[in-house]
Amino acid sequence: MEQCFSGVVVRATGSWYDVMHGGATVPCRIRGRLRLRGVRSTNPVVVGDTVRCEADESGAWTIVDIAPRRNYVIRRASNLSKESHIIAANVDRALLLATLSSPATAPEFVDRFLVTCEAYKVPVVIVLSKIDLQDAAAVASFRAVYEGAGYRVVEVSAVDGRGVEEVRSLLRGRTTLVAGNSGVGKSTLIRTVDPRFDIRVGEISQSHGKGRHTTTFSTMYPLDDGGFVIDTPGIKGFGLIDIDGAELWHYFPEMMRLAPGCRYYNCTHTHEPGCAVVRAVETGELAATRYESYLKMLDEDDKYRK
């Protein structure tokens, strides 16, 4: 019997991990000491990790080592502690699904996710989901803000098929993380792209206008066209972690383009005279919502650095 192998984690429940090896998935636990390596993280092993597994005397498999990650998407743990929660690792691209209604995705949530992807070098595309239900003027305004910042925005409807082929092309041959709030249509989109997947789809709560969780654990699915897609549980909030306040503006592409015009090389883009960023907000060249998100993130960073 084979005593060890290396594979990729395709499902993580917190107790068990399914590891893909030789075209099959092997259920594994993790060795206790692995939990101590990233003491600030709630989950030491995540979907997308390349791991080494060993068998014990009974034939049960244990994850004993994790290969270095080339990137990951991370957020502050939901209890607002100093711990982190890694959503997925070793991804080629993230698709951030957002909706302007049914339910509405907060701009600040979008901005925090984008900042994290910039900081951890994960290319990201914004997918405006349920486009058949969205107001045309609101869609145009959203596109102006985020395309102006430098992001690709794709409009998708699982109802009439709009944008589905474009998403299919984005997924092909890559490992892609699909993320967003509950109810924005992540599982529906994945199932539309590849109908083989039996992914539960939920409805919107009528009393709160928010989505119900249908995906319980992050899972990686192999695509018919090649590549993998990672479906994730809906995320309510996206707190930043391990991002220095002095460098935060580096993760706003439009601010990076404007900053060379500032009077001071160490401008914080908050109060300094001759700040090109503040001037761009005043003239409308930089979206006020993006700048407001930046200021809120700075406030949060100050709180957690004390």
C-alpha atoms as a PDB file:
ATOM      1  CA  MET A   1       0.000   0.000   0.000  1.00  0.00           C
ATOM      2  CA  GLU A   2       1.190   3.504  -0.844  1.00  0.00           C
ATOM      3  CA  GLN A   3       2.318   5.196   2.386  1.00  0.00           C
ATOM      4  CA  CYS A   4       2.433   8.822   1.245  1.00  0.00           C
ATOM      5  CA  PHE A   5       1.333  11.049  -1.619  1.00  0.00           C
ATOM      6  CA  SER A   6       1.004  14.721  -2.579  1.00  0.00           C
ATOM      7  CA  GLY A   7      -2.238  16.241  -3.799  1.00  0.00           C
ATOM      8  CA  VAL A   8      -4.450  19.319  -3.845  1.00  0.00           C
ATOM      9  CA  VAL A   9      -7.127  20.054  -1.246  1.00  0.00           C
ATOM     10  CA  VAL A  10     -10.483  20.257  -3.050  1.00  0.00           C
ATOM     11  CA  ARG A  11     -12.806  20.448  -0.047  1.00  0.00           C
ATOM     12  CA  ALA A  12     -12.278  21.656   3.508  1.00  0.00           C
ATOM     13  CA  THR A  13     -14.880  21.148   6.223  1.00  0.00           C
ATOM     14  CA  GLY A  14     -12.724  22.039   9.209  1.00  0.00           C
ATOM     15  CA  SER A  15     -12.595  18.432  10.391  1.00  0.00           C
ATOM     16  CA  TRP A  16     -11.992  16.546   7.157  1.00  0.00           C
ATOM     17  CA  TYR A  17     -10.190  17.521   3.972  1.00  0.00           C
ATOM     18  CA  ASP A  18     -10.710  15.907   0.573  1.00  0.00           C
ATOM     19  CA  VAL A  19      -7.403  15.737  -1.268  1.00  0.00           C
ATOM     20  CA  MET A  20      -7.313  15.097  -5.026  1.00  0.00           C
ATOM     21  CA  HIS A  21      -4.774  12.493  -6.029  1.00  0.00           C
ATOM     22  CA  GLY A  22      -4.587  10.443  -9.209  1.00  0.00           C
ATOM     23  CA  GLY A  23      -8.071  11.408 -10.361  1.00  0.00           C
ATOM     24  CA  ALA A  24      -9.702  10.445  -7.048  1.00  0.00           C
ATOM     25  CA  THR A  25     -10.344  12.266  -3.783  1.00  0.00           C
ATOM     26  CA  VAL A  26      -8.966  10.926  -0.519  1.00  0.00           C
ATOM     27  CA  PRO A  27     -10.466  11.983   2.850  1.00  0.00           C
ATOM     28  CA  CYS A  28      -7.762  13.176   5.260  1.00  0.00           C
ATOM     29  CA  ARG A  29      -7.393  14.717   8.681  1.00  0.00           C
ATOM     30  CA  ILE A  30      -4.625  17.132   9.615  1.00  0.00           C
ATOM     31  CA  ARG A  31      -1.745  16.530  11.988  1.00  0.00           C
ATOM     32  CA  GLY A  32      -2.206  18.493  15.198  1.00  0.00           C
ATOM     33  CA  ARG A  33       1.045  20.433  14.917  1.00  0.00           C
ATOM     34  CA  LEU A  34      -0.096  22.000  11.627  1.00  0.00           C
ATOM     35  CA  ARG A  35      -2.716  23.920  13.586  1.00  0.00           C
ATOM     36  CA  LEU A  36       0.065  25.690  15.481  1.00  0.00           C
ATOM     37  CA  ARG A  37       1.963  27.046  12.484  1.00  0.00           C
ATOM     38  CA  GLY A  38      -0.389  29.893  11.669  1.00  0.00           C
ATOM     39  CA  VAL A  39      -1.685  30.680  15.121  1.00  0.00           C
ATOM     40  CA  ARG A  40      -3.449  33.765  13.802  1.00  0.00           C
ATOM     41  CA  SER A  41      -5.393  31.738  11.242  1.00  0.00           C
ATOM     42  CA  THR A  42      -8.649  29.914  11.936  1.00  0.00           C
ATOM     43  CA  ASN A  43      -7.921  27.389   9.170  1.00  0.00           C
ATOM     44  CA  PRO A  44      -4.382  26.082   8.632  1.00  0.00           C
ATOM     45  CA  VAL A  45      -5.313  24.037   5.545  1.00  0.00           C
ATOM     46  CA  VAL A  46      -7.504  25.499   2.794  1.00  0.00           C
ATOM     47  CA  VAL A  47      -8.906  24.602  -0.610  1.00  0.00           C
ATOM     48  CA  GLY A  48      -6.196  24.996  -3.229  1.00  0.00           C
ATOM     49  CA  ASP A  49      -3.343  23.981  -0.921  1.00  0.00           C
ATOM     50  CA  THR A  50      -0.850  21.421  -2.186  1.00  0.00           C
ATOM     51  CA  VAL A  51      -0.295  19.027   0.699  1.00  0.00           C
ATOM     52  CA  ARG A  52       1.653  15.886   1.582  1.00  0.00           C
ATOM     53  CA  CYS A  53      -0.335  13.061   3.142  1.00  0.00           C
ATOM     54  CA  GLU A  54       0.784   9.955   5.012  1.00  0.00           C
ATOM     55  CA  ALA A  55      -1.079   6.790   6.021  1.00  0.00           C
ATOM     56  CA  ASP A  56      -1.072   5.464   9.583  1.00  0.00           C
ATOM     57  CA  GLU A  57      -1.170   1.824  10.677  1.00  0.00           C
ATOM     58  CA  SER A  58      -4.940   1.654  10.192  1.00  0.00           C
ATOM     59  CA  GLY A  59      -4.746   3.061   6.668  1.00  0.00           C
ATOM     60  CA  ALA A  60      -6.264   6.443   7.589  1.00  0.00           C
ATOM     61  CA  TRP A  61      -4.692   9.442   5.860  1.00  0.00           C
ATOM     62  CA  THR A  62      -3.247  12.500   7.578  1.00  0.00           C
ATOM     63  CA  ILE A  63      -2.046  15.782   6.071  1.00  0.00           C
ATOM     64  CA  VAL A  64       1.468  16.249   7.437  1.00  0.00           C
ATOM     65  CA  ASP A  65       2.829  19.165   5.412  1.00  0.00           C
ATOM     66  CA  ILE A  66       1.677  22.105   3.280  1.00  0.00           C
ATOM     67  CA  ALA A  67       3.639  23.406   0.300  1.00  0.00           C
ATOM     68  CA  PRO A  68       4.367  27.167   0.184  1.00  0.00           C
ATOM     69  CA  ARG A  69       1.435  29.135  -1.248  1.00  0.00           C
ATOM     70  CA  ARG A  70       2.008  31.370  -4.260  1.00  0.00           C
ATOM     71  CA  ASN A  71      -0.983  33.510  -3.236  1.00  0.00           C
ATOM     72  CA  TYR A  72      -4.233  33.399  -1.292  1.00  0.00           C
ATOM     73  CA  VAL A  73      -7.349  35.406  -0.508  1.00  0.00           C
ATOM     74  CA  ILE A  74      -7.622  36.242   3.175  1.00  0.00           C
ATOM     75  CA  ARG A  75      -9.939  38.219   5.467  1.00  0.00           C
ATOM     76  CA  ARG A  76     -10.223  39.034   9.129  1.00  0.00           C
ATOM     77  CA  ALA A  77     -12.022  36.286  11.048  1.00  0.00           C
ATOM     78  CA  SER A  78     -15.707  37.026  11.535  1.00  0.00           C
ATOM     79  CA  ASN A  79     -15.342  37.519  15.304  1.00  0.00           C
ATOM     80  CA  LEU A  80     -13.257  40.656  14.551  1.00  0.00           C
ATOM     81  CA  SER A  81     -10.280  39.228  16.409  1.00  0.00           C
ATOM     82  CA  LYS A  82      -6.729  39.509  15.152  1.00  0.00           C
ATOM     83  CA  GLU A  83      -7.102  36.071  13.613  1.00  0.00           C
ATOM     84  CA  SER A  84      -7.412  35.589   9.879  1.00  0.00           C
ATOM     85  CA  HIS A  85      -9.498  33.287   7.730  1.00  0.00           C
ATOM     86  CA  ILE A  86      -8.011  32.174   4.411  1.00  0.00           C
ATOM     87  CA  ILE A  87     -10.700  31.589   1.789  1.00  0.00           C
ATOM     88  CA  ALA A  88      -8.582  29.759  -0.809  1.00  0.00           C
ATOM     89  CA  ALA A  89      -4.978  29.456  -1.950  1.00  0.00           C
ATOM     90  CA  ASN A  90      -3.003  29.141  -5.190  1.00  0.00           C
ATOM     91  CA  VAL A  91      -5.639  30.665  -7.450  1.00  0.00           C
ATOM     92  CA  ASP A  92      -5.112  32.087 -10.925  1.00  0.00           C
ATOM     93  CA  ARG A  93      -8.013  34.514 -10.698  1.00  0.00           C
ATOM     94  CA  ALA A  94     -10.891  35.577  -8.463  1.00  0.00           C
ATOM     95  CA  LEU A  95     -14.369  36.349  -9.706  1.00  0.00           C
ATOM     96  CA  LEU A  96     -16.154  38.706  -7.313  1.00  0.00           C
ATOM     97  CA  LEU A  97     -19.901  38.394  -7.820  1.00  0.00           C
ATOM     98  CA  ALA A  98     -21.918  41.466  -6.869  1.00  0.00           C
ATOM     99  CA  THR A  99     -25.532  42.552  -7.268  1.00  0.00           C
ATOM    100  CA  LEU A 100     -26.985  46.057  -7.076  1.00  0.00           C
ATOM    101  CA  SER A 101     -30.322  44.709  -5.814  1.00  0.00           C
ATOM    102  CA  SER A 102     -31.860  41.382  -4.756  1.00  0.00           C
ATOM    103  CA  PRO A 103     -29.670  41.593  -2.617  1.00  0.00           C
ATOM    104  CA  ALA A 104     -27.553  44.745  -2.795  1.00  0.00           C
ATOM    105  CA  THR A 105     -23.794  44.342  -2.412  1.00  0.00           C
ATOM    106  CA  ALA A 106     -22.269  47.203  -0.416  1.00  0.00           C
ATOM    107  CA  PRO A 107     -19.582  49.153  -2.321  1.00  0.00           C
ATOM    108  CA  GLU A 108     -17.334  48.940   0.736  1.00  0.00           C
ATOM    109  CA  PHE A 109     -17.473  45.127   0.575  1.00  0.00           C
ATOM    110  CA  VAL A 110     -16.450  45.215  -3.085  1.00  0.00           C
ATOM    111  CA  ASP A 111     -13.583  47.590  -2.332  1.00  0.00           C
ATOM    112  CA  ARG A 112     -12.256  45.539   0.579  1.00  0.00           C
ATOM    113  CA  PHE A 113     -12.236  42.379  -1.530  1.00  0.00           C
ATOM    114  CA  LEU A 114     -10.442  44.180  -4.352  1.00  0.00           C
ATOM    115  CA  VAL A 115      -7.820  45.602  -1.980  1.00  0.00           C
ATOM    116  CA  THR A 116      -7.098  42.133  -0.605  1.00  0.00           C
ATOM    117  CA  CYS A 117      -6.728  40.700  -4.109  1.00  0.00           C
ATOM    118  CA  GLU A 118      -4.340  43.525  -5.030  1.00  0.00           C
ATOM    119  CA  ALA A 119      -2.307  43.006  -1.846  1.00  0.00           C
ATOM    120  CA  TYR A 120      -1.967  39.255  -2.312  1.00  0.00           C
ATOM    121  CA  LYS A 121      -1.454  39.399  -6.084  1.00  0.00           C
ATOM    122  CA  VAL A 122      -4.665  37.697  -7.148  1.00  0.00           C
ATOM    123  CA  PRO A 123      -6.060  39.007 -10.461  1.00  0.00           C
ATOM    124  CA  VAL A 124      -9.757  39.792 -10.067  1.00  0.00           C
ATOM    125  CA  VAL A 125     -12.729  40.318 -12.363  1.00  0.00           C
ATOM    126  CA  ILE A 126     -16.006  41.786 -11.094  1.00  0.00           C
ATOM    127  CA  VAL A 127     -19.130  39.931 -12.204  1.00  0.00           C
ATOM    128  CA  LEU A 128     -22.390  41.866 -11.979  1.00  0.00           C
ATOM    129  CA  SER A 129     -24.804  39.026 -11.360  1.00  0.00           C
ATOM    130  CA  LYS A 130     -28.579  38.811 -11.942  1.00  0.00           C
ATOM    131  CA  ILE A 131     -28.213  41.560 -14.517  1.00  0.00           C
ATOM    132  CA  ASP A 132     -31.773  40.950 -15.733  1.00  0.00           C
ATOM    133  CA  LEU A 133     -33.003  42.295 -12.363  1.00  0.00           C
ATOM    134  CA  GLN A 134     -30.759  45.356 -12.164  1.00  0.00           C
ATOM    135  CA  ASP A 135     -31.530  48.989 -12.944  1.00  0.00           C
ATOM    136  CA  ALA A 136     -29.734  50.102 -16.114  1.00  0.00           C
ATOM    137  CA  ALA A 137     -28.677  53.473 -14.689  1.00  0.00           C
ATOM    138  CA  ALA A 138     -27.261  51.843 -11.552  1.00  0.00           C
ATOM    139  CA  VAL A 139     -25.354  49.347 -13.691  1.00  0.00           C
ATOM    140  CA  ALA A 140     -23.878  52.160 -15.803  1.00  0.00           C
ATOM    141  CA  SER A 141     -22.812  54.033 -12.665  1.00  0.00           C
ATOM    142  CA  PHE A 142     -21.196  50.916 -11.171  1.00  0.00           C
ATOM    143  CA  ARG A 143     -19.305  50.190 -14.374  1.00  0.00           C
ATOM    144  CA  ALA A 144     -18.064  53.772 -14.560  1.00  0.00           C
ATOM    145  CA  VAL A 145     -16.612  53.542 -11.038  1.00  0.00           C
ATOM    146  CA  TYR A 146     -14.869  50.188 -11.353  1.00  0.00           C
ATOM    147  CA  GLU A 147     -13.839  50.271 -14.982  1.00  0.00           C
ATOM    148  CA  GLY A 148     -12.495  53.749 -14.228  1.00  0.00           C
ATOM    149  CA  ALA A 149     -10.439  52.167 -11.436  1.00  0.00           C
ATOM    150  CA  GLY A 150      -9.069  49.646 -13.923  1.00  0.00           C
ATOM    151  CA  TYR A 151     -11.175  46.533 -13.322  1.00  0.00           C
ATOM    152  CA  ARG A 152     -12.952  44.381 -15.867  1.00  0.00           C
ATOM    153  CA  VAL A 153     -16.705  44.189 -15.223  1.00  0.00           C
ATOM    154  CA  VAL A 154     -18.773  41.374 -16.732  1.00  0.00           C
ATOM    155  CA  GLU A 155     -22.584  41.394 -16.747  1.00  0.00           C
ATOM    156  CA  VAL A 156     -24.167  37.979 -16.229  1.00  0.00           C
ATOM    157  CA  SER A 157     -27.665  36.538 -16.117  1.00  0.00           C
ATOM    158  CA  ALA A 158     -28.246  32.847 -15.474  1.00  0.00           C
ATOM    159  CA  VAL A 159     -31.862  33.432 -16.591  1.00  0.00           C
ATOM    160  CA  ASP A 160     -31.244  34.583 -20.162  1.00  0.00           C
ATOM    161  CA  GLY A 161     -27.654  33.371 -20.504  1.00  0.00           C
ATOM    162  CA  ARG A 162     -26.132  36.820 -20.883  1.00  0.00           C
ATOM    163  CA  GLY A 163     -22.396  36.791 -20.137  1.00  0.00           C
ATOM    164  CA  VAL A 164     -22.255  33.066 -19.340  1.00  0.00           C
ATOM    165  CA  GLU A 165     -19.969  32.254 -22.272  1.00  0.00           C
ATOM    166  CA  GLU A 166     -17.671  35.135 -21.268  1.00  0.00           C
ATOM    167  CA  VAL A 167     -17.421  33.688 -17.754  1.00  0.00           C
ATOM    168  CA  ARG A 168     -16.848  30.217 -19.181  1.00  0.00           C
ATOM    169  CA  SER A 169     -13.935  31.646 -21.162  1.00  0.00           C
ATOM    170  CA  LEU A 170     -12.499  33.289 -18.016  1.00  0.00           C
ATOM    171  CA  LEU A 171     -12.645  29.972 -16.150  1.00  0.00           C
ATOM    172  CA  ARG A 172     -11.177  27.804 -18.886  1.00  0.00           C
ATOM    173  CA  GLY A 173      -7.792  26.307 -17.990  1.00  0.00           C
ATOM    174  CA  ARG A 174      -7.463  28.226 -14.726  1.00  0.00           C
ATOM    175  CA  THR A 175      -8.096  27.763 -11.029  1.00  0.00           C
ATOM    176  CA  THR A 176     -10.700  30.405 -10.198  1.00  0.00           C
ATOM    177  CA  LEU A 177     -12.145  31.461  -6.866  1.00  0.00           C
ATOM    178  CA  VAL A 178     -15.799  32.559  -7.017  1.00  0.00           C
ATOM    179  CA  ALA A 179     -16.737  34.765  -4.057  1.00  0.00           C
ATOM    180  CA  GLY A 180     -19.391  37.223  -2.904  1.00  0.00           C
ATOM    181  CA  ASN A 181     -22.184  37.809  -0.414  1.00  0.00           C
ATOM    182  CA  SER A 182     -24.843  35.158   0.133  1.00  0.00           C
ATOM    183  CA  GLY A 183     -27.577  35.313  -2.483  1.00  0.00           C
ATOM    184  CA  VAL A 184     -25.612  36.921  -5.330  1.00  0.00           C
ATOM    185  CA  GLY A 185     -25.795  33.772  -7.437  1.00  0.00           C
ATOM    186  CA  LYS A 186     -22.381  32.107  -7.099  1.00  0.00           C
ATOM    187  CA  SER A 187     -23.643  28.534  -7.072  1.00  0.00           C
ATOM    188  CA  THR A 188     -26.238  29.272  -9.755  1.00  0.00           C
ATOM    189  CA  LEU A 189     -23.578  30.694 -12.056  1.00  0.00           C
ATOM    190  CA  ILE A 190     -21.245  27.734 -11.538  1.00  0.00           C
ATOM    191  CA  ARG A 191     -24.073  25.304 -12.222  1.00  0.00           C
ATOM    192  CA  THR A 192     -25.018  27.263 -15.349  1.00  0.00           C
ATOM    193  CA  VAL A 193     -21.445  27.204 -16.629  1.00  0.00           C
ATOM    194  CA  ASP A 194     -21.184  23.446 -16.012  1.00  0.00           C
ATOM    195  CA  PRO A 195     -24.558  21.714 -15.356  1.00  0.00           C
ATOM    196  CA  ARG A 196     -22.825  18.552 -14.092  1.00  0.00           C
ATOM    197  CA  PHE A 197     -22.380  20.095 -10.662  1.00  0.00           C
ATOM    198  CA  ASP A 198     -25.084  19.342  -8.119  1.00  0.00           C
ATOM    199  CA  ILE A 199     -24.778  22.585  -6.142  1.00  0.00           C
ATOM    200  CA  ARG A 200     -27.618  23.716  -3.903  1.00  0.00           C
ATOM    201  CA  VAL A 201     -29.183  27.042  -4.814  1.00  0.00           C
ATOM    202  CA  GLY A 202     -31.030  29.172  -2.269  1.00  0.00           C
ATOM    203  CA  GLU A 203     -33.575  31.954  -2.332  1.00  0.00           C
ATOM    204  CA  ILE A 204     -33.458  35.508  -1.030  1.00  0.00           C
ATOM    205  CA  SER A 205     -34.937  36.129   2.412  1.00  0.00           C
ATOM    206  CA  GLN A 206     -38.039  38.254   1.875  1.00  0.00           C
ATOM    207  CA  SER A 207     -37.795  39.811   5.343  1.00  0.00           C
ATOM    208  CA  HIS A 208     -34.155  40.894   5.127  1.00  0.00           C
ATOM    209  CA  GLY A 209     -33.495  41.079   1.388  1.00  0.00           C
ATOM    210  CA  LYS A 210     -30.325  39.060   1.897  1.00  0.00           C
ATOM    211  CA  GLY A 211     -29.217  35.697   0.625  1.00  0.00           C
ATOM    212  CA  ARG A 212     -29.324  32.464   2.579  1.00  0.00           C
ATOM    213  CA  HIS A 213     -26.176  30.355   2.753  1.00  0.00           C
ATOM    214  CA  THR A 214     -26.384  27.397   0.381  1.00  0.00           C
ATOM    215  CA  THR A 215     -22.690  26.531   0.074  1.00  0.00           C
ATOM    216  CA  THR A 216     -21.535  25.345   3.504  1.00  0.00           C
ATOM    217  CA  PHE A 217     -17.893  24.572   2.777  1.00  0.00           C
ATOM    218  CA  SER A 218     -15.451  25.763   0.129  1.00  0.00           C
ATOM    219  CA  THR A 219     -15.218  23.185  -2.661  1.00  0.00           C
ATOM    220  CA  MET A 220     -13.096  22.961  -5.809  1.00  0.00           C
ATOM    221  CA  TYR A 221     -14.764  21.497  -8.899  1.00  0.00           C
ATOM    222  CA  PRO A 222     -12.985  20.305 -12.083  1.00  0.00           C
ATOM    223  CA  LEU A 223     -14.394  21.895 -15.244  1.00  0.00           C
ATOM    224  CA  ASP A 224     -15.155  20.051 -18.468  1.00  0.00           C
ATOM    225  CA  ASP A 225     -13.216  22.697 -20.415  1.00  0.00           C
ATOM    226  CA  GLY A 226     -10.172  22.336 -18.169  1.00  0.00           C
ATOM    227  CA  GLY A 227      -9.306  24.173 -14.991  1.00  0.00           C
ATOM    228  CA  PHE A 228     -11.042  24.294 -11.639  1.00  0.00           C
ATOM    229  CA  VAL A 229     -13.592  26.555  -9.983  1.00  0.00           C
ATOM    230  CA  ILE A 230     -13.786  27.100  -6.227  1.00  0.00           C
ATOM    231  CA  ASP A 231     -17.269  27.709  -4.842  1.00  0.00           C
ATOM    232  CA  THR A 232     -17.225  29.433  -1.452  1.00  0.00           C
ATOM    233  CA  PRO A 233     -19.774  30.079   1.312  1.00  0.00           C
ATOM    234  CA  GLY A 234     -21.338  33.545   1.178  1.00  0.00           C
ATOM    235  CA  ILE A 235     -19.272  36.191   2.947  1.00  0.00           C
ATOM    236  CA  LYS A 236     -21.086  38.770   5.073  1.00  0.00           C
ATOM    237  CA  GLY A 237     -18.156  41.067   5.829  1.00  0.00           C
ATOM    238  CA  PHE A 238     -14.620  41.414   4.596  1.00  0.00           C
ATOM    239  CA  GLY A 239     -12.267  42.772   7.225  1.00  0.00           C
ATOM    240  CA  LEU A 240      -8.706  43.481   6.110  1.00  0.00           C
ATOM    241  CA  ILE A 241      -5.745  41.924   7.859  1.00  0.00           C
ATOM    242  CA  ASP A 242      -1.959  42.317   7.562  1.00  0.00           C
ATOM    243  CA  ILE A 243      -2.251  45.386   5.323  1.00  0.00           C
ATOM    244  CA  ASP A 244      -0.267  48.373   6.580  1.00  0.00           C
ATOM    245  CA  GLY A 245      -2.179  51.653   6.595  1.00  0.00           C
ATOM    246  CA  ALA A 246       0.738  53.513   5.034  1.00  0.00           C
ATOM    247  CA  GLU A 247       0.613  51.171   2.028  1.00  0.00           C
ATOM    248  CA  LEU A 248      -3.163  50.870   1.696  1.00  0.00           C
ATOM    249  CA  TRP A 249      -3.417  53.352  -1.182  1.00  0.00           C
ATOM    250  CA  HIS A 250      -1.027  51.150  -3.188  1.00  0.00           C
ATOM    251  CA  TYR A 251      -3.914  48.711  -3.551  1.00  0.00           C
ATOM    252  CA  PHE A 252      -6.237  51.235  -5.189  1.00  0.00           C
ATOM    253  CA  PRO A 253      -5.023  51.212  -8.834  1.00  0.00           C
ATOM    254  CA  GLU A 254      -6.497  54.605  -9.643  1.00  0.00           C
ATOM    255  CA  MET A 255      -4.807  56.170  -6.612  1.00  0.00           C
ATOM    256  CA  MET A 256      -1.501  54.639  -7.703  1.00  0.00           C
ATOM    257  CA  ARG A 257      -1.898  56.402 -11.055  1.00  0.00           C
ATOM    258  CA  LEU A 258      -2.665  59.735  -9.399  1.00  0.00           C
ATOM    259  CA  ALA A 259      -0.139  59.689  -6.535  1.00  0.00           C
ATOM    260  CA  PRO A 260       2.889  60.859  -8.588  1.00  0.00           C
ATOM    261  CA  GLY A 261       1.086  64.218  -8.906  1.00  0.00           C
ATOM    262  CA  CYS A 262       1.034  64.783  -5.127  1.00  0.00           C
ATOM    263  CA  ARG A 263       3.231  67.544  -3.686  1.00  0.00           C
ATOM    264  CA  TYR A 264       4.725  65.255  -1.023  1.00  0.00           C
ATOM    265  CA  TYR A 265       6.266  61.877  -1.753  1.00  0.00           C
ATOM    266  CA  ASN A 266       4.911  60.450   1.535  1.00  0.00           C
ATOM    267  CA  CYS A 267       1.399  61.832   1.069  1.00  0.00           C
ATOM    268  CA  THR A 268      -1.278  59.854   2.921  1.00  0.00           C
ATOM    269  CA  HIS A 269      -3.996  61.278   0.625  1.00  0.00           C
ATOM    270  CA  THR A 270      -6.061  62.425   3.575  1.00  0.00           C
ATOM    271  CA  HIS A 271      -5.185  66.020   4.516  1.00  0.00           C
ATOM    272  CA  GLU A 272      -1.950  67.143   2.845  1.00  0.00           C
ATOM    273  CA  PRO A 273      -1.925  70.284   0.657  1.00  0.00           C
ATOM    274  CA  GLY A 274      -1.293  69.617  -3.004  1.00  0.00           C
ATOM    275  CA  CYS A 275      -2.701  66.075  -2.873  1.00  0.00           C
ATOM    276  CA  ALA A 276      -3.546  64.881  -6.378  1.00  0.00           C
ATOM    277  CA  VAL A 277      -5.864  62.185  -5.012  1.00  0.00           C
ATOM    278  CA  VAL A 278      -8.005  64.600  -3.009  1.00  0.00           C
ATOM    279  CA  ARG A 279      -8.093  66.941  -5.980  1.00  0.00           C
ATOM    280  CA  ALA A 280      -9.291  64.073  -8.208  1.00  0.00           C
ATOM    281  CA  VAL A 281     -12.123  63.323  -5.769  1.00  0.00           C
ATOM    282  CA  GLU A 282     -13.165  66.990  -5.820  1.00  0.00           C
ATOM    283  CA  THR A 283     -13.201  67.071  -9.627  1.00  0.00           C
ATOM    284  CA  GLY A 284     -14.958  63.710  -9.974  1.00  0.00           C
ATOM    285  CA  GLU A 285     -12.007  62.010 -11.636  1.00  0.00           C
ATOM    286  CA  LEU A 286     -11.817  59.584  -8.696  1.00  0.00           C
ATOM    287  CA  ALA A 287     -15.107  58.099  -7.449  1.00  0.00           C
ATOM    288  CA  ALA A 288     -16.111  59.460  -4.048  1.00  0.00           C
ATOM    289  CA  THR A 289     -17.344  56.010  -2.959  1.00  0.00           C
ATOM    290  CA  ARG A 290     -13.907  54.514  -3.576  1.00  0.00           C
ATOM    291  CA  TYR A 291     -12.216  57.299  -1.606  1.00  0.00           C
ATOM    292  CA  GLU A 292     -14.702  56.898   1.264  1.00  0.00           C
ATOM    293  CA  SER A 293     -13.882  53.178   1.374  1.00  0.00           C
ATOM    294  CA  TYR A 294     -10.193  54.052   1.565  1.00  0.00           C
ATOM    295  CA  LEU A 295     -10.748  56.363   4.549  1.00  0.00           C
ATOM    296  CA  LYS A 296     -12.863  53.755   6.384  1.00  0.00           C
ATOM    297  CA  MET A 297     -10.174  51.129   5.847  1.00  0.00           C
ATOM    298  CA  LEU A 298      -7.567  53.510   7.278  1.00  0.00           C
ATOM    299  CA  ASP A 299      -9.725  53.979  10.374  1.00  0.00           C
ATOM    300  CA  GLU A 300     -10.046  50.221  10.794  1.00  0.00           C
ATOM    301  CA  ASP A 301      -6.293  49.762  10.411  1.00  0.00           C
ATOM    302  CA  ASP A 302      -5.629  52.316  13.154  1.00  0.00           C
ATOM    303  CA  LYS A 303      -8.020  50.442  15.456  1.00  0.00           C
ATOM    304  CA  TYR A 304      -6.344  47.075  15.030  1.00  0.00           C
ATOM    305  CA  ARG A 305      -2.750  48.323  15.203  1.00  0.00           C
ATOM    306  CA  LYS A 306      -3.171  49.634  18.756  1.00  0.00           C
END
